[in-house]
Protein backbone atom coordinates (compact mmCIF):
# COMPACT_ATOMS: atom_id res chain seq x y z
CA UNK A 1 0.00 0.00 0.00
CA UNK A 2 1.04 3.63 -0.54
CA UNK A 3 0.89 6.31 2.13
CA UNK A 4 1.18 10.05 1.67
CA UNK A 5 2.57 12.90 3.73
CA UNK A 6 1.46 16.34 2.62
CA UNK A 7 3.19 19.53 3.74
CA UNK A 8 3.71 23.16 2.84
CA UNK A 9 0.34 24.62 3.70
CA UNK A 10 -0.12 27.85 5.62
CA UNK A 11 -1.92 31.17 5.81
CA UNK A 12 -1.40 33.64 2.97
CA UNK A 13 -3.13 36.75 1.73
CA UNK A 14 -5.04 36.93 -1.52
CA UNK A 15 -2.60 36.94 -4.39
CA UNK A 16 0.08 35.09 -2.47
CA UNK A 17 1.81 31.82 -3.29
CA UNK A 18 2.46 28.49 -1.62
CA UNK A 19 4.26 25.33 -2.68
CA UNK A 20 2.81 22.09 -1.40
CA UNK A 21 4.76 18.84 -1.22
CA UNK A 22 3.55 15.27 -1.18
CA UNK A 23 5.88 12.49 -0.13
CA UNK A 24 4.74 8.99 -1.07
CA UNK A 25 6.00 5.91 0.74
CA UNK A 26 5.33 2.20 0.67
CA UNK A 27 4.68 0.38 -2.61
CA UNK A 28 5.70 3.36 -4.74
CA UNK A 29 6.82 1.11 -7.59
CA UNK A 30 3.14 0.60 -8.39
CA UNK A 31 2.36 4.33 -8.63
CA UNK A 32 1.13 5.53 -11.99
CA UNK A 33 -0.52 8.97 -12.09
CA UNK A 34 -0.51 11.25 -9.04
CA UNK A 35 -3.13 13.80 -8.10
CA UNK A 36 -3.92 16.67 -5.78
CA UNK A 37 -7.34 17.07 -4.18
CA UNK A 38 -8.76 19.66 -1.82
CA UNK A 39 -11.67 19.92 0.56
CA UNK A 40 -13.01 23.34 1.42
CA UNK A 41 -15.07 24.15 4.52
CA UNK A 42 -18.41 22.40 4.27
CA UNK A 43 -17.57 21.00 0.85
CA UNK A 44 -16.81 17.62 -0.58
CA UNK A 45 -13.30 16.68 -1.64
CA UNK A 46 -12.62 17.82 -5.20
CA UNK A 47 -9.96 17.04 -7.76
CA UNK A 48 -7.49 19.87 -8.35
CA UNK A 49 -4.84 18.47 -10.68
CA UNK A 50 -3.51 15.21 -12.12
CA UNK A 51 0.06 14.54 -13.15
CA UNK A 52 -0.11 11.89 -15.85
CA UNK A 53 2.95 9.75 -16.50
CA UNK A 54 2.56 9.92 -20.27
CA UNK A 55 0.40 12.91 -21.13
CA UNK A 56 -0.15 16.55 -20.23
CA UNK A 57 -1.29 17.43 -16.72
CA UNK A 58 -4.95 18.01 -15.98
CA UNK A 59 -6.11 21.03 -14.01
CA UNK A 60 -9.54 21.90 -12.71
CA UNK A 61 -10.90 24.99 -14.40
CA UNK A 62 -10.80 26.90 -11.11
CA UNK A 63 -7.00 26.57 -10.82
CA UNK A 64 -5.93 26.51 -14.46
CA UNK A 65 -3.21 29.07 -15.14
CA UNK A 66 -2.50 29.56 -11.43
CA UNK A 67 -1.41 26.13 -10.17
CA UNK A 68 1.36 23.90 -11.48
CA UNK A 69 1.71 20.23 -10.62
CA UNK A 70 5.11 18.56 -10.87
CA UNK A 71 7.07 15.59 -9.67
CA UNK A 72 10.76 15.32 -8.87
CA UNK A 73 12.56 12.98 -11.28
CA UNK A 74 13.41 9.66 -9.70
CA UNK A 75 11.72 10.62 -6.46
CA UNK A 76 8.40 9.82 -4.93
CA UNK A 77 7.65 13.44 -4.19
CA UNK A 78 5.07 15.56 -5.94
CA UNK A 79 4.56 19.30 -5.73
CA UNK A 80 1.80 21.80 -6.27
CA UNK A 81 2.94 25.36 -6.92
CA UNK A 82 0.01 27.65 -6.19
CA UNK A 83 0.14 31.26 -7.34
CA UNK A 84 -2.41 34.08 -7.31
CA UNK A 85 -4.21 32.42 -4.45
CA UNK A 86 -7.82 33.35 -3.75
CA UNK A 87 -10.02 32.88 -0.68
CA UNK A 88 -11.93 30.10 -2.45
CA UNK A 89 -8.67 28.11 -2.62
CA UNK A 90 -8.92 27.69 1.14
CA UNK A 91 -9.13 24.08 2.27
CA UNK A 92 -7.23 20.97 3.20
CA UNK A 93 -5.11 19.68 0.34
CA UNK A 94 -4.49 15.97 -0.14
CA UNK A 95 -2.55 13.89 -2.63
CA UNK A 96 -3.25 10.45 -3.99
CA UNK A 97 -2.17 8.14 -6.77
CA UNK A 98 -3.45 5.60 -9.25
CA UNK A 99 -1.78 2.22 -9.49
CA UNK A 100 -0.12 0.71 -12.51
CA UNK A 101 -2.29 -1.82 -14.32
CA UNK A 102 0.38 -4.47 -13.84
CA UNK A 103 0.04 -4.33 -10.06
CA UNK A 104 -2.94 -6.63 -10.04
CA UNK A 105 -2.38 -7.97 -6.56
CA UNK A 106 -4.42 -5.15 -5.04
CA UNK A 107 -7.57 -5.95 -6.97
CA UNK A 108 -7.02 -9.68 -6.63
CA UNK A 109 -6.75 -9.44 -2.87
CA UNK A 110 -9.29 -6.66 -2.44
CA UNK A 111 -6.74 -4.33 -0.85
CA UNK A 112 -6.85 -0.57 -1.21
CA UNK A 113 -3.77 0.64 -3.10
CA UNK A 114 -3.56 3.95 -1.24
CA UNK A 115 -4.66 5.50 2.00
CA UNK A 116 -5.42 9.18 2.43
CA UNK A 117 -2.95 11.26 4.40
CA UNK A 118 -3.75 13.98 6.93
CA UNK A 119 -3.56 16.68 4.28
CA UNK A 120 -2.14 20.16 4.65
CA UNK A 121 -4.26 23.20 5.47
CA UNK A 122 -4.22 26.17 3.11
CA UNK A 123 -5.93 29.35 4.26
CA UNK A 124 -6.17 32.38 1.98
CA UNK A 125 -7.30 35.56 3.68
CA UNK A 126 -9.04 38.37 1.83
Foldseek 3Di string as FASTA:
>chain_A
DKEKDKDWADEEAQQAKIKMKIAIDDPCVFFAKKFKWWAAVPGDIGTAKIDGPPDDIDGDPVQPPFWDKDDDPPHRMIMIIGGRDDQVVWGFMWMDTDTHPVPCVCVVVVHDPYDIDPGHTHGYHD
